[in-house]
C-alpha atoms as a PDB file:
ATOM      1  CA  MET A   1      -0.836  -1.369  44.564  1.00  0.00           C
ATOM      2  CA  PRO A   2      -2.809  -3.506  42.088  1.00  0.00           C
ATOM      3  CA  PRO A   3      -6.230  -2.175  41.054  1.00  0.00           C
ATOM      4  CA  ALA A   4      -9.305  -3.279  42.994  1.00  0.00           C
ATOM      5  CA  TYR A   5     -11.331  -4.133  39.913  1.00  0.00           C
ATOM      6  CA  PHE A   6     -10.526  -5.920  36.687  1.00  0.00           C
ATOM      7  CA  PRO A   7     -12.863  -6.578  33.757  1.00  0.00           C
ATOM      8  CA  LEU A   8     -12.601 -10.297  33.000  1.00  0.00           C
ATOM      9  CA  ARG A   9     -14.305 -10.506  29.620  1.00  0.00           C
ATOM     10  CA  TRP A  10     -14.467  -8.303  26.534  1.00  0.00           C
ATOM     11  CA  GLU A  11     -16.483  -8.186  23.341  1.00  0.00           C
ATOM     12  CA  SER A  12     -14.169  -8.378  20.353  1.00  0.00           C
ATOM     13  CA  THR A  13     -14.679  -7.540  16.696  1.00  0.00           C
ATOM     14  CA  GLY A  14     -15.944 -10.391  14.554  1.00  0.00           C
ATOM     15  CA  ASP A  15     -18.830 -10.910  17.037  1.00  0.00           C
ATOM     16  CA  GLN A  16     -16.670 -12.769  19.558  1.00  0.00           C
ATOM     17  CA  TRP A  17     -16.051 -12.710  23.307  1.00  0.00           C
ATOM     18  CA  TRP A  18     -12.708 -13.229  25.018  1.00  0.00           C
ATOM     19  CA  PHE A  19     -12.139 -14.186  28.647  1.00  0.00           C
ATOM     20  CA  ALA A  20      -9.184 -13.839  31.012  1.00  0.00           C
ATOM     21  CA  SER A  21      -8.054 -16.974  32.850  1.00  0.00           C
ATOM     22  CA  PRO A  22      -7.585 -17.267  36.653  1.00  0.00           C
ATOM     23  CA  ILE A  23      -3.798 -17.224  36.351  1.00  0.00           C
ATOM     24  CA  ASP A  24      -3.965 -14.083  34.169  1.00  0.00           C
ATOM     25  CA  TRP A  25      -5.873 -12.333  36.956  1.00  0.00           C
ATOM     26  CA  ALA A  26      -3.621 -13.648  39.721  1.00  0.00           C
ATOM     27  CA  ALA A  27      -0.408 -12.538  37.995  1.00  0.00           C
ATOM     28  CA  ALA A  28      -1.822  -9.112  37.063  1.00  0.00           C
ATOM     29  CA  ASN A  29      -2.673  -8.548  40.733  1.00  0.00           C
ATOM     30  CA  GLY A  30       0.733  -9.723  41.971  1.00  0.00           C
ATOM     31  CA  HIS A  31      -0.634 -12.755  43.838  1.00  0.00           C
ATOM     32  CA  PHE A  32       2.397 -15.025  43.636  1.00  0.00           C
ATOM     33  CA  ASP A  33       1.088 -17.606  46.116  1.00  0.00           C
ATOM     34  CA  LEU A  34      -2.081 -18.008  44.052  1.00  0.00           C
ATOM     35  CA  VAL A  35      -0.073 -18.318  40.832  1.00  0.00           C
ATOM     36  CA  ARG A  36       2.104 -20.994  42.430  1.00  0.00           C
ATOM     37  CA  GLU A  37      -0.949 -22.904  43.692  1.00  0.00           C
ATOM     38  CA  LEU A  38      -2.600 -22.799  40.262  1.00  0.00           C
ATOM     39  CA  LEU A  39       0.595 -24.160  38.709  1.00  0.00           C
ATOM     40  CA  ARG A  40       0.712 -26.912  41.340  1.00  0.00           C
ATOM     41  CA  ILE A  41      -2.859 -27.921  40.517  1.00  0.00           C
ATOM     42  CA  ASP A  42      -2.244 -27.940  36.770  1.00  0.00           C
ATOM     43  CA  ASN A  43       1.087 -27.266  35.065  1.00  0.00           C
ATOM     44  CA  ASN A  44      -0.788 -26.338  31.892  1.00  0.00           C
ATOM     45  CA  HIS A  45      -1.592 -22.988  33.503  1.00  0.00           C
ATOM     46  CA  LEU A  46       2.012 -22.072  32.712  1.00  0.00           C
ATOM     47  CA  ILE A  47       1.067 -22.101  29.017  1.00  0.00           C
ATOM     48  CA  ASN A  48      -1.549 -19.407  29.630  1.00  0.00           C
ATOM     49  CA  LEU A  49       0.734 -17.408  31.894  1.00  0.00           C
ATOM     50  CA  THR A  50       3.585 -17.270  29.379  1.00  0.00           C
ATOM     51  CA  SER A  51       1.653 -17.067  26.083  1.00  0.00           C
ATOM     52  CA  LEU A  52       2.705 -14.018  24.064  1.00  0.00           C
ATOM     53  CA  ARG A  53      -0.633 -13.998  22.272  1.00  0.00           C
ATOM     54  CA  ARG A  54      -2.519 -13.828  25.575  1.00  0.00           C
ATOM     55  CA  ILE A  55      -0.181 -11.196  26.998  1.00  0.00           C
ATOM     56  CA  ARG A  56      -0.729  -8.975  23.959  1.00  0.00           C
ATOM     57  CA  ARG A  57      -4.490  -9.224  24.451  1.00  0.00           C
ATOM     58  CA  LEU A  58      -4.174  -8.478  28.150  1.00  0.00           C
ATOM     59  CA  GLU A  59      -2.000  -5.474  27.373  1.00  0.00           C
ATOM     60  CA  SER A  60      -4.782  -4.177  25.148  1.00  0.00           C
ATOM     61  CA  VAL A  61      -7.532  -4.510  27.754  1.00  0.00           C
ATOM     62  CA  TRP A  62      -5.612  -4.003  31.011  1.00  0.00           C
ATOM     63  CA  ASP A  63      -2.130  -2.547  30.647  1.00  0.00           C
ATOM     64  CA  ASP A  64      -3.132   0.169  28.155  1.00  0.00           C
ATOM     65  CA  GLU A  65      -5.738   1.561  30.543  1.00  0.00           C
ATOM     66  CA  GLU A  66      -4.491   4.304  32.857  1.00  0.00           C
ATOM     67  CA  GLN A  67      -6.216   2.887  35.944  1.00  0.00           C
ATOM     68  CA  PHE A  68      -4.340  -0.408  35.517  1.00  0.00           C
ATOM     69  CA  ASP A  69      -0.853   1.074  35.261  1.00  0.00           C
ATOM     70  CA  ASP A  70       0.627  -1.326  37.856  1.00  0.00           C
ATOM     71  CA  VAL A  71      -0.309  -4.508  36.006  1.00  0.00           C
ATOM     72  CA  ALA A  72       3.035  -4.940  34.206  1.00  0.00           C
ATOM     73  CA  LYS A  73       4.946  -4.399  37.475  1.00  0.00           C
ATOM     74  CA  CYS A  74       2.793  -6.946  39.304  1.00  0.00           C
ATOM     75  CA  ARG A  75       3.372  -9.465  36.515  1.00  0.00           C
ATOM     76  CA  SER A  76       7.110  -8.872  36.699  1.00  0.00           C
ATOM     77  CA  GLN A  77       7.181  -9.350  40.465  1.00  0.00           C
ATOM     78  CA  VAL A  78       5.420 -12.693  40.084  1.00  0.00           C
ATOM     79  CA  ALA A  79       7.770 -13.744  37.277  1.00  0.00           C
ATOM     80  CA  ARG A  80      10.856 -12.814  39.323  1.00  0.00           C
ATOM     81  CA  LYS A  81       9.688 -14.789  42.365  1.00  0.00           C
ATOM     82  CA  LEU A  82       8.900 -17.753  40.142  1.00  0.00           C
ATOM     83  CA  PHE A  83      12.334 -17.425  38.541  1.00  0.00           C
ATOM     84  CA  HIS A  84      14.086 -17.482  41.918  1.00  0.00           C
ATOM     85  CA  GLU A  85      11.996 -20.420  43.119  1.00  0.00           C
ATOM     86  CA  CYS A  86      13.106 -22.448  40.097  1.00  0.00           C
ATOM     87  CA  GLU A  87      16.820 -22.059  40.834  1.00  0.00           C
ATOM     88  CA  PHE A  88      19.056 -25.114  40.692  1.00  0.00           C
ATOM     89  CA  LYS A  89      22.535 -25.541  42.047  1.00  0.00           C
ATOM     90  CA  LYS A  90      25.526 -24.126  40.150  1.00  0.00           C
ATOM     91  CA  GLY A  91      23.524 -21.200  38.761  1.00  0.00           C
ATOM     92  CA  LYS A  92      21.146 -23.217  36.604  1.00  0.00           C
ATOM     93  CA  ASN A  93      17.466 -22.354  36.378  1.00  0.00           C
ATOM     94  CA  SER A  94      14.698 -24.743  35.377  1.00  0.00           C
ATOM     95  CA  LEU A  95      12.524 -21.987  33.838  1.00  0.00           C
ATOM     96  CA  ILE A  96      15.297 -20.868  31.502  1.00  0.00           C
ATOM     97  CA  GLN A  97      16.283 -24.445  30.711  1.00  0.00           C
ATOM     98  CA  ALA A  98      12.641 -25.221  29.871  1.00  0.00           C
ATOM     99  CA  GLY A  99      12.593 -22.396  27.312  1.00  0.00           C
ATOM    100  CA  TYR A 100      10.773 -19.670  29.246  1.00  0.00           C
ATOM    101  CA  GLY A 101      13.658 -17.200  29.193  1.00  0.00           C
ATOM    102  CA  GLY A 102      11.980 -15.143  26.465  1.00  0.00           C
ATOM    103  CA  TRP A 103       8.868 -14.719  28.606  1.00  0.00           C
ATOM    104  CA  LEU A 104      10.957 -13.710  31.622  1.00  0.00           C
ATOM    105  CA  MET A 105      12.828 -11.091  29.612  1.00  0.00           C
ATOM    106  CA  TYR A 106       9.653  -9.709  28.010  1.00  0.00           C
ATOM    107  CA  THR A 107       7.909  -9.490  31.387  1.00  0.00           C
ATOM    108  CA  ALA A 108      10.852  -7.768  33.073  1.00  0.00           C
ATOM    109  CA  ALA A 109      11.351  -5.336  30.195  1.00  0.00           C
ATOM    110  CA  SER A 110       7.664  -4.398  29.923  1.00  0.00           C
ATOM    111  CA  ALA A 111       7.649  -3.493  33.617  1.00  0.00           C
ATOM    112  CA  GLY A 112      10.792  -1.391  33.272  1.00  0.00           C
ATOM    113  CA  ASP A 113      12.441  -3.560  35.932  1.00  0.00           C
ATOM    114  CA  LEU A 114      16.086  -2.737  35.251  1.00  0.00           C
ATOM    115  CA  SER A 115      17.528  -4.927  38.023  1.00  0.00           C
ATOM    116  CA  PHE A 116      15.548  -7.982  36.844  1.00  0.00           C
ATOM    117  CA  VAL A 117      16.600  -7.381  33.231  1.00  0.00           C
ATOM    118  CA  GLN A 118      20.244  -7.133  34.339  1.00  0.00           C
ATOM    119  CA  GLU A 119      19.909 -10.314  36.377  1.00  0.00           C
ATOM    120  CA  LEU A 120      18.553 -12.202  33.372  1.00  0.00           C
ATOM    121  CA  LEU A 121      21.252 -10.861  31.046  1.00  0.00           C
ATOM    122  CA  GLU A 122      23.929 -11.883  33.525  1.00  0.00           C
ATOM    123  CA  ARG A 123      22.483 -15.388  33.471  1.00  0.00           C
ATOM    124  CA  ASN A 124      22.263 -15.516  29.683  1.00  0.00           C
ATOM    125  CA  PRO A 125      23.021 -12.395  27.595  1.00  0.00           C
ATOM    126  CA  LEU A 126      21.442 -13.996  24.525  1.00  0.00           C
ATOM    127  CA  LEU A 127      18.013 -13.784  26.180  1.00  0.00           C
ATOM    128  CA  VAL A 128      17.845 -10.290  24.706  1.00  0.00           C
ATOM    129  CA  PHE A 129      17.025 -12.043  21.422  1.00  0.00           C
ATOM    130  CA  GLY A 130      14.087 -13.817  23.033  1.00  0.00           C
ATOM    131  CA  GLU A 131      13.272 -17.494  23.014  1.00  0.00           C
ATOM    132  CA  GLY A 132      10.456 -19.606  21.622  1.00  0.00           C
ATOM    133  CA  GLU A 133       7.599 -17.400  20.395  1.00  0.00           C
ATOM    134  CA  TYR A 134       9.389 -14.304  21.719  1.00  0.00           C
ATOM    135  CA  GLY A 135      11.930 -12.556  19.498  1.00  0.00           C
ATOM    136  CA  VAL A 136      14.230  -9.558  19.746  1.00  0.00           C
ATOM    137  CA  THR A 137      11.535  -7.292  18.274  1.00  0.00           C
ATOM    138  CA  ASP A 138       9.194  -8.324  21.079  1.00  0.00           C
ATOM    139  CA  THR A 139      11.898  -7.538  23.635  1.00  0.00           C
ATOM    140  CA  PHE A 140      12.396  -4.080  22.107  1.00  0.00           C
ATOM    141  CA  TYR A 141       8.646  -3.500  22.158  1.00  0.00           C
ATOM    142  CA  ALA A 142       8.319  -4.554  25.796  1.00  0.00           C
ATOM    143  CA  ALA A 143      11.135  -2.207  26.815  1.00  0.00           C
ATOM    144  CA  SER A 144       9.514   0.600  24.856  1.00  0.00           C
ATOM    145  CA  ARG A 145       6.148   0.052  26.547  1.00  0.00           C
ATOM    146  CA  SER A 146       7.744   0.452  29.959  1.00  0.00           C
ATOM    147  CA  LYS A 147       8.813   4.049  29.133  1.00  0.00           C
ATOM    148  CA  ASN A 148      12.054   3.265  30.986  1.00  0.00           C
ATOM    149  CA  ALA A 149      14.748   4.587  28.656  1.00  0.00           C
ATOM    150  CA  GLY A 150      17.490   2.908  30.706  1.00  0.00           C
ATOM    151  CA  VAL A 151      15.974  -0.532  30.155  1.00  0.00           C
ATOM    152  CA  PHE A 152      15.613   0.099  26.420  1.00  0.00           C
ATOM    153  CA  ARG A 153      19.190   1.345  26.064  1.00  0.00           C
ATOM    154  CA  LEU A 154      20.561  -1.694  27.890  1.00  0.00           C
ATOM    155  CA  ILE A 155      18.598  -4.153  25.754  1.00  0.00           C
ATOM    156  CA  TYR A 156      19.469  -2.308  22.558  1.00  0.00           C
ATOM    157  CA  ASP A 157      23.163  -2.305  23.497  1.00  0.00           C
ATOM    158  CA  PHE A 158      23.141  -6.075  24.102  1.00  0.00           C
ATOM    159  CA  ALA A 159      21.298  -6.652  20.819  1.00  0.00           C
ATOM    160  CA  THR A 160      23.575  -4.521  18.655  1.00  0.00           C
ATOM    161  CA  SER A 161      26.778  -5.754  20.332  1.00  0.00           C
ATOM    162  CA  PRO A 162      26.029  -9.379  21.291  1.00  0.00           C
ATOM    163  CA  ARG A 163      27.736 -10.789  24.391  1.00  0.00           C
ATOM    164  CA  PHE A 164      28.528 -14.380  25.199  1.00  0.00           C
ATOM    165  CA  LEU A 165      29.328 -16.074  28.481  1.00  0.00           C
ATOM    166  CA  THR A 166      32.786 -17.625  28.735  1.00  0.00           C
ATOM    167  CA  ALA A 167      33.571 -20.795  30.658  1.00  0.00           C
ATOM    168  CA  LYS A 168      34.610 -18.559  33.559  1.00  0.00           C
ATOM    169  CA  GLY A 169      31.168 -16.943  33.641  1.00  0.00           C
ATOM    170  CA  GLU A 170      32.407 -13.628  32.260  1.00  0.00           C
ATOM    171  CA  PHE A 171      30.955 -11.557  29.411  1.00  0.00           C
ATOM    172  CA  GLU A 172      32.733 -11.626  26.073  1.00  0.00           C
ATOM    173  CA  GLU A 173      31.607  -9.330  23.271  1.00  0.00           C
ATOM    174  CA  HIS A 174      31.327 -10.396  19.659  1.00  0.00           C
ATOM    175  CA  ILE A 175      34.801 -10.804  18.196  1.00  0.00           C
ATOM    176  CA  GLY A 176      35.375  -9.004  14.915  1.00  0.00           C
ATOM    177  CA  GLU A 177      33.427  -6.331  13.097  1.00  0.00           C
ATOM    178  CA  ILE A 178      29.647  -6.558  13.284  1.00  0.00           C
ATOM    179  CA  PRO A 179      28.094  -6.435   9.774  1.00  0.00           C
ATOM    180  CA  SER A 180      26.508  -3.089   8.912  1.00  0.00           C
ATOM    181  CA  LEU A 181      23.393  -4.864   7.590  1.00  0.00           C
ATOM    182  CA  TYR A 182      22.875  -6.482  10.999  1.00  0.00           C
ATOM    183  CA  LYS A 183      23.251  -3.128  12.770  1.00  0.00           C
ATOM    184  CA  TRP A 184      20.732  -1.525  10.402  1.00  0.00           C
ATOM    185  CA  GLU A 185      18.245  -4.367  10.957  1.00  0.00           C
ATOM    186  CA  MET A 186      18.476  -3.992  14.727  1.00  0.00           C
ATOM    187  CA  MET A 187      18.064  -0.217  14.370  1.00  0.00           C
ATOM    188  CA  ASN A 188      15.010  -0.674  12.137  1.00  0.00           C
ATOM    189  CA  ARG A 189      13.385  -3.078  14.585  1.00  0.00           C
ATOM    190  CA  ALA A 190      14.175  -0.838  17.548  1.00  0.00           C
ATOM    191  CA  ILE A 191      12.741   2.251  15.863  1.00  0.00           C
ATOM    192  CA  HIS A 192       9.493   0.484  14.987  1.00  0.00           C
ATOM    193  CA  ALA A 193       9.245  -0.930  18.499  1.00  0.00           C
ATOM    194  CA  ALA A 194       9.766   2.502  20.042  1.00  0.00           C
ATOM    195  CA  ALA A 195       7.035   3.951  17.811  1.00  0.00           C
ATOM    196  CA  ARG A 196       4.600   1.142  18.614  1.00  0.00           C
ATOM    197  CA  GLY A 197       5.376   1.307  22.314  1.00  0.00           C
ATOM    198  CA  GLY A 198       4.948   5.077  22.462  1.00  0.00           C
ATOM    199  CA  ASN A 199       8.419   5.791  23.839  1.00  0.00           C
ATOM    200  CA  LEU A 200       9.020   9.205  22.315  1.00  0.00           C
ATOM    201  CA  THR A 201      12.265   9.803  24.248  1.00  0.00           C
ATOM    202  CA  VAL A 202      13.917   6.676  22.866  1.00  0.00           C
ATOM    203  CA  LEU A 203      12.488   7.225  19.388  1.00  0.00           C
ATOM    204  CA  LYS A 204      14.024  10.693  19.197  1.00  0.00           C
ATOM    205  CA  GLU A 205      17.379   9.312  20.320  1.00  0.00           C
ATOM    206  CA  LEU A 206      17.311   6.621  17.638  1.00  0.00           C
ATOM    207  CA  LEU A 207      16.288   9.114  14.933  1.00  0.00           C
ATOM    208  CA  SER A 208      18.742  11.840  15.998  1.00  0.00           C
ATOM    209  CA  ASP A 209      21.062  11.188  13.027  1.00  0.00           C
ATOM    210  CA  CYS A 210      18.358   9.994  10.626  1.00  0.00           C
ATOM    211  CA  THR A 211      18.521  11.360   7.084  1.00  0.00           C
ATOM    212  CA  ASP A 212      15.710   9.278   5.558  1.00  0.00           C
ATOM    213  CA  VAL A 213      12.965   8.274   7.956  1.00  0.00           C
ATOM    214  CA  LEU A 214      11.021   6.590   5.134  1.00  0.00           C
ATOM    215  CA  SER A 215      13.741   3.969   4.771  1.00  0.00           C
ATOM    216  CA  TYR A 216      12.722   2.386   8.059  1.00  0.00           C
ATOM    217  CA  ARG A 217       9.932   0.019   7.089  1.00  0.00           C
ATOM    218  CA  ASP A 218       8.723  -3.409   8.187  1.00  0.00           C
ATOM    219  CA  LYS A 219       8.089  -6.393   5.899  1.00  0.00           C
ATOM    220  CA  GLN A 220       4.626  -5.016   4.995  1.00  0.00           C
ATOM    221  CA  GLY A 221       6.233  -1.753   3.923  1.00  0.00           C
ATOM    222  CA  ALA A 222       4.784   0.121   6.914  1.00  0.00           C
ATOM    223  CA  THR A 223       6.648   3.178   8.158  1.00  0.00           C
ATOM    224  CA  ILE A 224       7.100   4.127  11.796  1.00  0.00           C
ATOM    225  CA  LEU A 225       4.086   6.435  11.410  1.00  0.00           C
ATOM    226  CA  HIS A 226       1.974   3.397  10.499  1.00  0.00           C
ATOM    227  CA  ALA A 227       3.410   1.562  13.522  1.00  0.00           C
ATOM    228  CA  ALA A 228       2.536   4.361  15.938  1.00  0.00           C
ATOM    229  CA  ALA A 229      -0.904   4.913  14.402  1.00  0.00           C
ATOM    230  CA  ALA A 230      -1.827   1.232  14.670  1.00  0.00           C
ATOM    231  CA  ARG A 231      -1.149   1.258  18.409  1.00  0.00           C
ATOM    232  CA  GLY A 232      -2.885   4.576  19.064  1.00  0.00           C
ATOM    233  CA  GLN A 233       0.315   6.392  20.073  1.00  0.00           C
ATOM    234  CA  VAL A 234      -1.046   9.863  19.358  1.00  0.00           C
ATOM    235  CA  GLU A 235       1.867  11.836  20.853  1.00  0.00           C
ATOM    236  CA  VAL A 236       4.341   9.917  18.701  1.00  0.00           C
ATOM    237  CA  VAL A 237       2.145  10.448  15.647  1.00  0.00           C
ATOM    238  CA  LYS A 238       1.950  14.203  16.251  1.00  0.00           C
ATOM    239  CA  ASP A 239       5.713  14.462  16.727  1.00  0.00           C
ATOM    240  CA  LEU A 240       6.490  12.454  13.587  1.00  0.00           C
ATOM    241  CA  ILE A 241       4.198  14.450  11.299  1.00  0.00           C
ATOM    242  CA  ALA A 242       5.580  17.688  12.740  1.00  0.00           C
ATOM    243  CA  SER A 243       9.210  16.605  12.285  1.00  0.00           C
ATOM    244  CA  PHE A 244       9.205  14.678   8.992  1.00  0.00           C
ATOM    245  CA  GLU A 245       7.516  14.605   5.581  1.00  0.00           C
ATOM    246  CA  ILE A 246       5.872  11.296   6.389  1.00  0.00           C
ATOM    247  CA  ILE A 247       2.127  11.849   6.669  1.00  0.00           C
ATOM    248  CA  ASN A 248       1.373  10.760   3.077  1.00  0.00           C
ATOM    249  CA  SER A 249       3.527   7.619   3.204  1.00  0.00           C
ATOM    250  CA  THR A 250       1.892   4.328   2.252  1.00  0.00           C
ATOM    251  CA  ASP A 251       2.623   0.658   2.896  1.00  0.00           C
ATOM    252  CA  ASN A 252       2.801  -2.149   0.321  1.00  0.00           C
ATOM    253  CA  LEU A 253      -1.002  -2.188   0.033  1.00  0.00           C
ATOM    254  CA  GLY A 254      -1.265   1.548  -0.427  1.00  0.00           C
ATOM    255  CA  ASN A 255      -2.595   2.211   3.069  1.00  0.00           C
ATOM    256  CA  THR A 256      -1.800   5.515   4.723  1.00  0.00           C
ATOM    257  CA  ALA A 257      -1.430   5.751   8.498  1.00  0.00           C
ATOM    258  CA  LEU A 258      -5.026   7.025   8.519  1.00  0.00           C
ATOM    259  CA  HIS A 259      -6.222   3.774   6.918  1.00  0.00           C
ATOM    260  CA  ILE A 260      -4.429   1.747   9.577  1.00  0.00           C
ATOM    261  CA  ALA A 261      -5.615   3.861  12.496  1.00  0.00           C
ATOM    262  CA  ALA A 262      -9.210   3.614  11.290  1.00  0.00           C
ATOM    263  CA  TYR A 263      -8.986  -0.153  10.876  1.00  0.00           C
ATOM    264  CA  ARG A 264      -7.653  -0.464  14.429  1.00  0.00           C
ATOM    265  CA  GLY A 265     -10.253   1.867  15.949  1.00  0.00           C
ATOM    266  CA  GLN A 266      -7.726   4.465  17.100  1.00  0.00           C
ATOM    267  CA  SER A 267     -10.003   7.512  17.253  1.00  0.00           C
ATOM    268  CA  SER A 268      -7.492   9.974  18.734  1.00  0.00           C
ATOM    269  CA  VAL A 269      -4.946   9.189  16.015  1.00  0.00           C
ATOM    270  CA  VAL A 270      -7.603   9.416  13.291  1.00  0.00           C
ATOM    271  CA  GLU A 271      -8.524  12.887  14.516  1.00  0.00           C
ATOM    272  CA  ALA A 272      -4.892  14.014  14.752  1.00  0.00           C
ATOM    273  CA  LEU A 273      -4.115  12.871  11.206  1.00  0.00           C
ATOM    274  CA  ILE A 274      -7.229  14.475   9.703  1.00  0.00           C
ATOM    275  CA  VAL A 275      -6.566  17.770  11.483  1.00  0.00           C
ATOM    276  CA  ALA A 276      -2.969  17.748  10.213  1.00  0.00           C
ATOM    277  CA  SER A 277      -3.920  16.820   6.644  1.00  0.00           C
ATOM    278  CA  PRO A 278      -7.637  16.953   5.704  1.00  0.00           C
ATOM    279  CA  LEU A 279      -6.858  15.690   2.194  1.00  0.00           C
ATOM    280  CA  LEU A 280      -5.927  12.299   3.674  1.00  0.00           C
ATOM    281  CA  THR A 281      -9.630  11.487   4.000  1.00  0.00           C
ATOM    282  CA  SER A 282      -9.912  11.068   0.229  1.00  0.00           C
ATOM    283  CA  SER A 283      -6.783   8.901  -0.108  1.00  0.00           C
ATOM    284  CA  ILE A 284      -7.404   5.381  -1.374  1.00  0.00           C
ATOM    285  CA  ASN A 285      -5.317   2.225  -1.119  1.00  0.00           C
ATOM    286  CA  ILE A 286      -4.595  -0.332  -3.856  1.00  0.00           C
ATOM    287  CA  ALA A 287      -8.057  -1.855  -3.333  1.00  0.00           C
ATOM    288  CA  GLY A 288      -9.630   1.561  -3.891  1.00  0.00           C
ATOM    289  CA  GLU A 289     -10.713   1.866  -0.261  1.00  0.00           C
ATOM    290  CA  THR A 290     -10.870   5.087   1.738  1.00  0.00           C
ATOM    291  CA  PHE A 291     -10.146   5.195   5.442  1.00  0.00           C
ATOM    292  CA  LEU A 292     -13.919   4.973   6.028  1.00  0.00           C
ATOM    293  CA  HIS A 293     -13.999   1.584   4.266  1.00  0.00           C
ATOM    294  CA  MET A 294     -11.235   0.481   6.618  1.00  0.00           C
ATOM    295  CA  ALA A 295     -13.033   1.767   9.714  1.00  0.00           C
ATOM    296  CA  VAL A 296     -16.111  -0.278   8.830  1.00  0.00           C
ATOM    297  CA  SER A 297     -14.030  -3.331   7.879  1.00  0.00           C
ATOM    298  CA  GLY A 298     -12.492  -3.223  11.346  1.00  0.00           C
ATOM    299  CA  PHE A 299     -15.755  -4.577  12.754  1.00  0.00           C
ATOM    300  CA  GLN A 300     -15.276  -7.777  10.768  1.00  0.00           C
ATOM    301  CA  ASN A 301     -11.674  -8.388  11.771  1.00  0.00           C
ATOM    302  CA  PRO A 302     -11.471 -12.006  13.024  1.00  0.00           C
ATOM    303  CA  ALA A 303      -8.403 -11.199  15.147  1.00  0.00           C
ATOM    304  CA  PHE A 304      -8.847  -9.824  18.655  1.00  0.00           C
ATOM    305  CA  ARG A 305      -9.812  -6.148  18.610  1.00  0.00           C
ATOM    306  CA  ARG A 306     -11.648  -4.130  21.234  1.00  0.00           C
ATOM    307  CA  LEU A 307     -15.128  -3.546  19.884  1.00  0.00           C
ATOM    308  CA  ASP A 308     -15.677  -0.536  22.153  1.00  0.00           C
ATOM    309  CA  ARG A 309     -12.882   1.364  20.415  1.00  0.00           C
ATOM    310  CA  GLN A 310     -14.285   0.635  16.955  1.00  0.00           C
ATOM    311  CA  ILE A 311     -17.734   1.844  18.038  1.00  0.00           C
ATOM    312  CA  GLU A 312     -16.258   4.981  19.599  1.00  0.00           C
ATOM    313  CA  LEU A 313     -14.458   5.773  16.340  1.00  0.00           C
ATOM    314  CA  MET A 314     -17.622   5.394  14.252  1.00  0.00           C
ATOM    315  CA  LYS A 315     -19.583   7.622  16.627  1.00  0.00           C
ATOM    316  CA  GLN A 316     -16.842  10.222  16.365  1.00  0.00           C
ATOM    317  CA  LEU A 317     -16.878  10.102  12.562  1.00  0.00           C
ATOM    318  CA  MET A 318     -20.679  10.219  12.336  1.00  0.00           C
ATOM    319  CA  SER A 319     -20.827  13.266  14.606  1.00  0.00           C
ATOM    320  CA  GLY A 320     -19.269  15.350  11.834  1.00  0.00           C
ATOM    321  CA  LYS A 321     -16.875  17.103  14.217  1.00  0.00           C
ATOM    322  CA  VAL A 322     -13.738  15.707  12.591  1.00  0.00           C
ATOM    323  CA  PHE A 323     -14.762  15.748   8.924  1.00  0.00           C
ATOM    324  CA  LYS A 324     -17.844  15.671   6.723  1.00  0.00           C
ATOM    325  CA  MET A 325     -18.689  12.028   6.181  1.00  0.00           C
ATOM    326  CA  GLU A 326     -20.946  12.800   3.227  1.00  0.00           C
ATOM    327  CA  ASP A 327     -17.853  13.771   1.207  1.00  0.00           C
ATOM    328  CA  ILE A 328     -16.693  10.147   0.926  1.00  0.00           C
ATOM    329  CA  ILE A 329     -19.452   7.907   2.282  1.00  0.00           C
ATOM    330  CA  ASN A 330     -20.567   6.952  -1.236  1.00  0.00           C
ATOM    331  CA  ALA A 331     -17.039   6.341  -2.524  1.00  0.00           C
ATOM    332  CA  LYS A 332     -16.716   2.885  -4.069  1.00  0.00           C
ATOM    333  CA  ASN A 333     -13.726   0.549  -3.922  1.00  0.00           C
ATOM    334  CA  ASN A 334     -12.366  -1.470  -6.852  1.00  0.00           C
ATOM    335  CA  ASP A 335     -15.183  -4.016  -6.386  1.00  0.00           C
ATOM    336  CA  GLY A 336     -17.802  -1.294  -6.710  1.00  0.00           C
ATOM    337  CA  LYS A 337     -18.741  -1.434  -3.005  1.00  0.00           C
ATOM    338  CA  ASP A 338     -19.259   1.562  -0.775  1.00  0.00           C
ATOM    339  CA  CYS A 339     -18.933   1.625   3.015  1.00  0.00           C
ATOM    340  CA  SER A 340     -22.531   0.526   3.597  1.00  0.00           C
ATOM    341  CA  SER A 341     -21.774  -2.792   1.887  1.00  0.00           C
ATOM    342  CA  HIS A 342     -19.738  -3.749   4.966  1.00  0.00           C
ATOM    343  CA  GLY A 343     -21.899  -1.965   7.483  1.00  0.00           C
ATOM    344  CA  HIS A 344     -24.470  -4.479   8.731  1.00  0.00           C
ATOM    345  CA  TYR A 345     -22.580  -5.061  11.977  1.00  0.00           C
ATOM    346  CA  TRP A 346     -21.755  -1.514  13.021  1.00  0.00           C
ATOM    347  CA  GLU A 347     -25.219  -0.226  12.081  1.00  0.00           C
ATOM    348  CA  CYS A 348     -26.627  -2.633  14.662  1.00  0.00           C
ATOM    349  CA  SER A 349     -23.926  -1.742  17.191  1.00  0.00           C
ATOM    350  CA  LEU A 350     -24.553   1.989  16.896  1.00  0.00           C
END
């Protein structure tokens, strides 16, 4: 059952507000008839419904909250009904032909709807690679979020061993040997997606034969610990730092996972990392910034961030329960600025 109450606006960092649209609310509650009527009134509502940027924001404010755990399933049910309503003769579908196949796959995967995912792959196995603004990494991430290992394994299998539809409508796997570099790239993307999505079961499967976990990095040089920390996946973070020598790893800008977690307002991850390695609090990045600089800078992030999480983190740090703030509060970065130089916003907020 969909929840009885949804917040419809949120205060973001950067002193901004963000609002959900009517079709966002209708889809998240599983009201297909209302979604269809909104689309009939104005086809432009489909842009809001299928926007990856909007979905990511909605995941942050709705899907990630425990009381709204049915939102992804409701969205998938609406998407599946819409998909079936757009069927043409001879197995053609107007939604897929119009380029919305990536959204359909992402929505089905994020809900852990195995039968819907299979139905889409039977229609076009290349949808696993996404379409439009959706890519294969997004598909991996959606499957990871669902916590349905079967969905993730199916998508990963189709991505690492691409299938094609023959003229007879049958699957045909890639002919010839698949390049090892391609396989490694898919593995790297899948591992990062599993870490970000908090799917510890899948992550352990992917890392079962791993000999160098630090080799799996994204284009910013972030490790899977950075990926998990940024999304607040505390159980994944705890497992990684217990299993690998990864806690002191840095990205291309010299940020540790603690820097990233602080910047994103992930208080539970910040606490877990400090408890595991208290010396991390004095680590600085290339700009000479401690994690406290990053926590304060998070208030000025122009991208969408939940302000309530950033405030909660600062209250936690100021309480002194996790670490002694006075040890680094006067630390200056390479520009000679301490944390208070960025603090006009959060001082007012607190």
